[in-house]
Amino acid sequence: MKRHVVAAALSVAFSAPAFAQDAVPLNELPGWDIAQVAHRGLAPGLPENTLAAFEDVAARGVKVIEIDLRGTTDGDVVIMHDETVDRTTDGSGEVTSMTLAEIKDLDAGSWVDASWAGETVPTYEEAISFAQDHGIMLLLDIKQSDVLDRRKIVDITEKHNATLNVIVGVRSLEDLAEFRSYNPNLRTLGFIPNPEAIDDFANAGVEIIRLWPQWIRGEDSEKRGEIPAYCEGVENCLVKQVQGHGRPVWTTAGEADRAELIGLIDAGVNGILTDVPDVLSELMDDIRAAQGNS
């Protein structure tokens, strides 16, 4: 009960500010539904990648939660973004050097607020059960390590009859081939390394391609890859390239505010991974209302 009450309160306390005038009239934005993805299971005021946060974003109408999978030293699969537990629990040490029991003994909530003391690090199996119970899809960001058995991720998914309720994030064509060998019905998203990889990933059969906002805006970035020369002077070039393959474009927008989110939607993206699901969900409500689809 506590989680439902707090979720309702937070939806008011953390609602996005009203904008007197948006850069693009909301009724002129693309009319398709935008996939709202809670990056790292983030929810305002709640500990990331926990069942408490998942419940909050589900209550907001978010239908996809991106989670980070890491392996324990005794072969289980847990949800943790960082290589260590230091930032998001009361413990310290590398996830891969700890047993499931050791990780489950950690407090994953009080680092945000004392009221969340006692939240634990979820296992992948717990996250799958939650998703099935709440009609949520999971986007899996699978962290590479020697102790993580990626076949086990597929086995757990199949055990819960959730093959069509997860999206496996792949960073290479080798990743794609591996997961397809385990189960050819798995849906996949390409975390492509640079824009030049769009055609290869699309032709190999990934269902969704993730572009960074810098790429969509045509900004070169040493960390994120270079914009191809053929995009010079072509508006929303990479978005059009992906969609030309019949693939939707998702983007990781981080803490992008309302104005930035509108810019990405205006550029034609089909899904947004956001650290501020409250801002995105309110914007989507406003767009639906402006377009007569509320």
Protein backbone atom coordinates (compact mmCIF):
# COMPACT_ATOMS: atom_id res chain seq x y z
CA MET A 1 0.00 0.00 0.00
CA LYS A 2 2.83 2.39 0.86
CA ARG A 3 4.18 2.33 -2.69
CA HIS A 4 0.83 3.13 -4.31
CA VAL A 5 0.24 6.08 -1.96
CA VAL A 6 3.72 7.50 -2.47
CA ALA A 7 3.49 7.04 -6.23
CA ALA A 8 0.28 9.05 -6.33
CA ALA A 9 1.80 11.80 -4.20
CA LEU A 10 4.94 11.97 -6.32
CA SER A 11 2.95 12.32 -9.51
CA VAL A 12 1.77 15.67 -8.13
CA ALA A 13 4.95 16.75 -6.37
CA PHE A 14 7.16 16.09 -9.36
CA SER A 15 4.84 17.06 -12.20
CA ALA A 16 6.47 19.03 -15.00
CA PRO A 17 6.01 22.81 -15.03
CA ALA A 18 3.39 24.21 -17.37
CA PHE A 19 4.86 25.92 -20.41
CA ALA A 20 3.10 29.04 -21.66
CA GLN A 21 4.18 28.26 -25.21
CA ASP A 22 5.95 25.21 -26.60
CA ALA A 23 8.57 25.60 -29.33
CA VAL A 24 6.43 23.46 -31.65
CA PRO A 25 2.61 23.50 -31.32
CA LEU A 26 1.67 20.15 -29.82
CA ASN A 27 -1.05 19.55 -32.39
CA GLU A 28 1.61 19.76 -35.13
CA LEU A 29 3.79 16.99 -33.71
CA PRO A 30 3.70 13.49 -35.24
CA GLY A 31 0.45 11.76 -34.34
CA TRP A 32 1.85 8.31 -33.52
CA ASP A 33 2.26 7.02 -29.99
CA ILE A 34 5.73 7.50 -28.54
CA ALA A 35 7.07 4.52 -26.58
CA GLN A 36 7.78 5.84 -23.10
CA VAL A 37 10.74 3.98 -21.60
CA ALA A 38 11.84 4.50 -18.00
CA HIS A 39 15.64 4.46 -18.25
CA ARG A 40 17.24 2.42 -15.41
CA GLY A 41 13.74 2.07 -13.97
CA LEU A 42 14.07 5.65 -12.79
CA ALA A 43 11.20 7.40 -11.04
CA PRO A 44 11.35 10.80 -9.31
CA GLY A 45 12.35 10.53 -5.68
CA LEU A 46 12.67 6.73 -5.70
CA PRO A 47 15.72 4.45 -5.78
CA GLU A 48 16.60 3.43 -9.34
CA ASN A 49 16.28 -0.14 -10.61
CA THR A 50 14.08 -1.22 -7.68
CA LEU A 51 10.59 -2.69 -7.57
CA ALA A 52 9.40 0.49 -5.83
CA ALA A 53 10.51 2.60 -8.79
CA PHE A 54 9.04 0.10 -11.27
CA GLU A 55 5.68 0.33 -9.54
CA ASP A 56 5.76 4.13 -9.66
CA VAL A 57 6.47 4.36 -13.38
CA ALA A 58 3.90 1.68 -14.13
CA ALA A 59 1.32 3.78 -12.29
CA ARG A 60 2.22 6.69 -14.61
CA GLY A 61 1.26 4.64 -17.65
CA VAL A 62 4.83 3.93 -18.76
CA LYS A 63 4.78 0.66 -20.70
CA VAL A 64 8.51 -0.11 -21.04
CA ILE A 65 11.17 -0.20 -18.32
CA GLU A 66 14.84 -0.37 -19.23
CA ILE A 67 16.83 -2.42 -16.73
CA ASP A 68 20.53 -3.26 -16.39
CA LEU A 69 21.47 -6.91 -15.91
CA ARG A 70 24.62 -8.09 -14.14
CA GLY A 71 25.78 -11.51 -13.01
CA THR A 72 26.61 -12.58 -9.46
CA THR A 73 29.56 -14.77 -8.63
CA ASP A 74 27.23 -17.71 -7.92
CA GLY A 75 25.49 -17.45 -11.27
CA ASP A 76 22.34 -15.42 -10.65
CA VAL A 77 21.18 -12.32 -12.56
CA VAL A 78 20.46 -9.06 -10.73
CA ILE A 79 19.41 -5.53 -11.68
CA MET A 80 22.24 -3.03 -11.20
CA HIS A 81 23.49 -0.22 -13.44
CA ASP A 82 26.98 0.27 -12.03
CA GLU A 83 29.81 -2.26 -11.87
CA THR A 84 29.82 -1.81 -8.09
CA VAL A 85 27.06 -1.58 -5.50
CA ASP A 86 28.64 1.50 -3.91
CA ARG A 87 26.44 4.24 -5.36
CA THR A 88 23.00 2.68 -5.02
CA THR A 89 23.24 0.57 -1.85
CA ASP A 90 24.73 0.73 1.64
CA GLY A 91 27.43 -1.74 0.62
CA SER A 92 30.59 -1.71 -1.43
CA GLY A 93 32.27 -3.97 -3.93
CA GLU A 94 31.87 -5.27 -7.47
CA VAL A 95 28.61 -7.00 -8.30
CA THR A 96 30.44 -9.84 -10.03
CA SER A 97 32.44 -10.64 -6.88
CA MET A 98 29.35 -10.96 -4.67
CA THR A 99 26.86 -13.79 -4.19
CA LEU A 100 23.13 -13.28 -4.62
CA ALA A 101 22.66 -13.63 -0.85
CA GLU A 102 25.24 -10.89 -0.21
CA ILE A 103 23.57 -8.55 -2.68
CA LYS A 104 20.10 -9.30 -1.33
CA ASP A 105 21.32 -8.34 2.14
CA LEU A 106 22.06 -4.78 0.96
CA ASP A 107 19.78 -1.78 1.48
CA ALA A 108 19.04 -0.34 -1.97
CA GLY A 109 16.66 2.39 -0.84
CA SER A 110 17.92 4.50 2.04
CA TRP A 111 20.56 6.24 -0.12
CA VAL A 112 17.63 8.16 -1.64
CA ASP A 113 15.48 8.62 1.47
CA ALA A 114 15.10 6.89 4.83
CA SER A 115 11.51 6.00 3.95
CA TRP A 116 12.82 3.60 1.30
CA ALA A 117 15.09 1.72 3.70
CA GLY A 118 14.72 -1.99 3.16
CA GLU A 119 14.33 -1.91 -0.62
CA THR A 120 16.44 -4.66 -2.07
CA VAL A 121 18.27 -5.16 -5.36
CA PRO A 122 15.84 -7.10 -7.58
CA THR A 123 16.76 -10.21 -9.48
CA TYR A 124 15.90 -10.48 -13.15
CA GLU A 125 13.34 -13.12 -12.21
CA GLU A 126 11.62 -10.67 -9.85
CA ALA A 127 11.61 -8.00 -12.55
CA ILE A 128 10.07 -10.42 -15.07
CA SER A 129 7.35 -11.40 -12.58
CA PHE A 130 6.58 -7.72 -11.96
CA ALA A 131 6.43 -6.98 -15.67
CA GLN A 132 4.07 -9.88 -16.31
CA ASP A 133 1.78 -8.83 -13.44
CA HIS A 134 1.64 -5.19 -14.60
CA GLY A 135 1.53 -5.55 -18.38
CA ILE A 136 4.96 -3.93 -18.73
CA MET A 137 7.70 -4.70 -21.25
CA LEU A 138 11.35 -4.83 -20.22
CA LEU A 139 14.25 -3.50 -22.29
CA LEU A 140 17.37 -5.39 -21.24
CA ASP A 141 20.72 -3.63 -21.09
CA ILE A 142 22.96 -6.64 -20.53
CA LYS A 143 26.34 -5.82 -19.00
CA GLN A 144 29.19 -8.00 -20.20
CA SER A 145 31.11 -10.06 -17.63
CA ASP A 146 32.69 -13.47 -17.26
CA VAL A 147 30.16 -14.57 -14.64
CA LEU A 148 27.00 -13.59 -16.52
CA ASP A 149 25.46 -16.53 -18.35
CA ARG A 150 23.45 -14.90 -21.11
CA ARG A 151 21.70 -18.17 -21.89
CA LYS A 152 20.29 -18.04 -18.35
CA ILE A 153 18.65 -14.70 -19.14
CA VAL A 154 16.82 -16.38 -22.01
CA ASP A 155 15.94 -19.40 -19.87
CA ILE A 156 14.37 -17.17 -17.19
CA THR A 157 12.48 -15.26 -19.85
CA GLU A 158 11.10 -18.47 -21.36
CA LYS A 159 10.26 -19.89 -17.93
CA HIS A 160 7.87 -16.96 -17.42
CA ASN A 161 6.47 -17.15 -20.98
CA ALA A 162 7.77 -13.62 -21.48
CA THR A 163 9.58 -13.97 -24.80
CA LEU A 164 7.34 -11.35 -26.41
CA ASN A 165 7.46 -9.10 -23.35
CA VAL A 166 11.18 -8.37 -23.35
CA ILE A 167 13.40 -6.48 -25.76
CA VAL A 168 17.02 -7.59 -25.73
CA GLY A 169 19.52 -4.78 -26.21
CA VAL A 170 22.41 -5.87 -28.45
CA ARG A 171 25.63 -3.96 -29.08
CA SER A 172 27.08 -6.05 -31.87
CA LEU A 173 25.97 -8.34 -34.66
CA GLU A 174 27.64 -11.16 -32.71
CA ASP A 175 25.33 -10.38 -29.74
CA LEU A 176 22.36 -10.49 -32.08
CA ALA A 177 23.37 -13.86 -33.53
CA GLU A 178 23.95 -15.32 -30.07
CA PHE A 179 20.55 -14.36 -28.70
CA ARG A 180 18.78 -15.41 -31.89
CA SER A 181 20.46 -18.82 -31.56
CA TYR A 182 18.92 -19.18 -28.11
CA ASN A 183 15.46 -18.05 -29.19
CA PRO A 184 14.73 -16.64 -32.68
CA ASN A 185 11.51 -15.03 -31.43
CA LEU A 186 13.27 -12.60 -29.09
CA ARG A 187 12.71 -8.95 -29.93
CA THR A 188 15.90 -6.92 -30.17
CA LEU A 189 17.05 -3.31 -30.03
CA GLY A 190 20.37 -2.27 -31.52
CA PHE A 191 22.53 -0.12 -29.24
CA ILE A 192 24.55 0.67 -32.34
CA PRO A 193 28.15 1.89 -31.87
CA ASN A 194 27.98 4.64 -34.49
CA PRO A 195 25.63 5.92 -37.20
CA GLU A 196 27.47 4.00 -39.92
CA ALA A 197 26.21 0.77 -38.33
CA ILE A 198 22.54 1.54 -39.02
CA ASP A 199 22.31 -0.40 -42.27
CA ASP A 200 24.18 -3.46 -40.94
CA PHE A 201 22.01 -3.76 -37.83
CA ALA A 202 18.79 -3.17 -39.76
CA ASN A 203 19.71 -5.67 -42.46
CA ALA A 204 20.62 -8.21 -39.76
CA GLY A 205 17.09 -7.97 -38.42
CA VAL A 206 17.04 -5.93 -35.22
CA GLU A 207 13.52 -4.65 -34.63
CA ILE A 208 14.44 -1.24 -33.11
CA ILE A 209 17.49 1.01 -33.44
CA ARG A 210 18.65 3.41 -30.72
CA LEU A 211 20.12 6.74 -31.81
CA TRP A 212 21.74 9.25 -29.46
CA PRO A 213 20.16 12.74 -29.41
CA GLN A 214 23.49 14.18 -30.60
CA TRP A 215 23.22 12.12 -33.76
CA ILE A 216 19.61 13.14 -34.34
CA ARG A 217 20.56 16.80 -33.98
CA GLY A 218 23.51 16.31 -36.34
CA GLU A 219 26.16 17.03 -33.72
CA ASP A 220 29.48 15.23 -34.01
CA SER A 221 30.68 13.69 -30.78
CA GLU A 222 33.95 11.85 -30.21
CA LYS A 223 32.26 9.62 -27.63
CA ARG A 224 29.19 8.82 -29.70
CA GLY A 225 30.58 8.54 -33.22
CA GLU A 226 30.63 10.86 -36.20
CA ILE A 227 27.75 12.00 -38.35
CA PRO A 228 28.08 10.59 -41.91
CA ALA A 229 28.94 13.09 -44.64
CA TYR A 230 25.81 12.14 -46.59
CA CYS A 231 23.71 13.65 -43.81
CA GLU A 232 25.13 17.14 -44.28
CA GLY A 233 22.25 19.53 -44.86
CA VAL A 234 19.61 16.76 -44.61
CA GLU A 235 17.12 17.38 -41.83
CA ASN A 236 16.55 14.40 -39.51
CA CYS A 237 18.77 12.35 -41.81
CA LEU A 238 19.52 9.42 -39.51
CA VAL A 239 15.93 9.13 -38.28
CA LYS A 240 14.80 8.90 -41.89
CA GLN A 241 17.51 6.36 -42.66
CA VAL A 242 16.41 4.04 -39.85
CA GLN A 243 12.74 4.42 -40.65
CA GLY A 244 13.52 3.80 -44.31
CA HIS A 245 14.43 0.28 -43.21
CA GLY A 246 11.00 -0.02 -41.60
CA ARG A 247 12.53 0.22 -38.12
CA PRO A 248 11.42 2.54 -35.30
CA VAL A 249 13.92 4.96 -33.78
CA TRP A 250 14.33 5.09 -30.02
CA THR A 251 16.63 7.57 -28.31
CA THR A 252 18.21 7.84 -24.86
CA ALA A 253 17.30 11.33 -23.71
CA GLY A 254 18.53 11.24 -20.10
CA GLU A 255 17.19 14.20 -18.13
CA ALA A 256 16.03 16.10 -21.23
CA ASP A 257 13.42 18.68 -20.30
CA ARG A 258 10.07 19.26 -21.95
CA ALA A 259 11.47 21.49 -24.71
CA GLU A 260 14.18 18.97 -25.61
CA LEU A 261 11.65 16.14 -25.63
CA ILE A 262 9.41 18.10 -27.98
CA GLY A 263 12.39 18.61 -30.29
CA LEU A 264 13.08 14.88 -30.40
CA ILE A 265 9.44 14.04 -31.06
CA ASP A 266 9.33 16.70 -33.77
CA ALA A 267 12.39 15.03 -35.34
CA GLY A 268 10.32 11.88 -35.73
CA VAL A 269 11.52 9.50 -33.02
CA ASN A 270 9.26 6.62 -32.05
CA GLY A 271 10.45 6.00 -28.51
CA ILE A 272 12.28 7.83 -25.73
CA LEU A 273 14.35 6.40 -22.89
CA THR A 274 14.01 9.01 -20.16
CA ASP A 275 15.37 9.60 -16.67
CA VAL A 276 12.36 11.84 -15.96
CA PRO A 277 9.27 9.74 -16.80
CA ASP A 278 7.04 12.24 -15.01
CA VAL A 279 7.99 14.98 -17.50
CA LEU A 280 7.56 12.72 -20.54
CA SER A 281 4.25 11.21 -19.41
CA GLU A 282 2.77 14.66 -18.75
CA LEU A 283 3.97 15.86 -22.15
CA MET A 284 2.39 12.86 -23.86
CA ASP A 285 -0.90 13.58 -22.09
CA ASP A 286 -0.73 17.17 -23.33
CA ILE A 287 0.04 16.05 -26.88
CA ARG A 288 -2.91 13.63 -26.92
CA ALA A 289 -5.20 16.34 -25.59
CA ALA A 290 -3.97 18.88 -28.17
CA GLN A 291 -4.51 16.36 -30.97
CA GLY A 292 -7.95 15.33 -29.73
CA ASN A 293 -6.84 11.86 -28.68
CA SER A 294 -7.27 12.15 -24.91
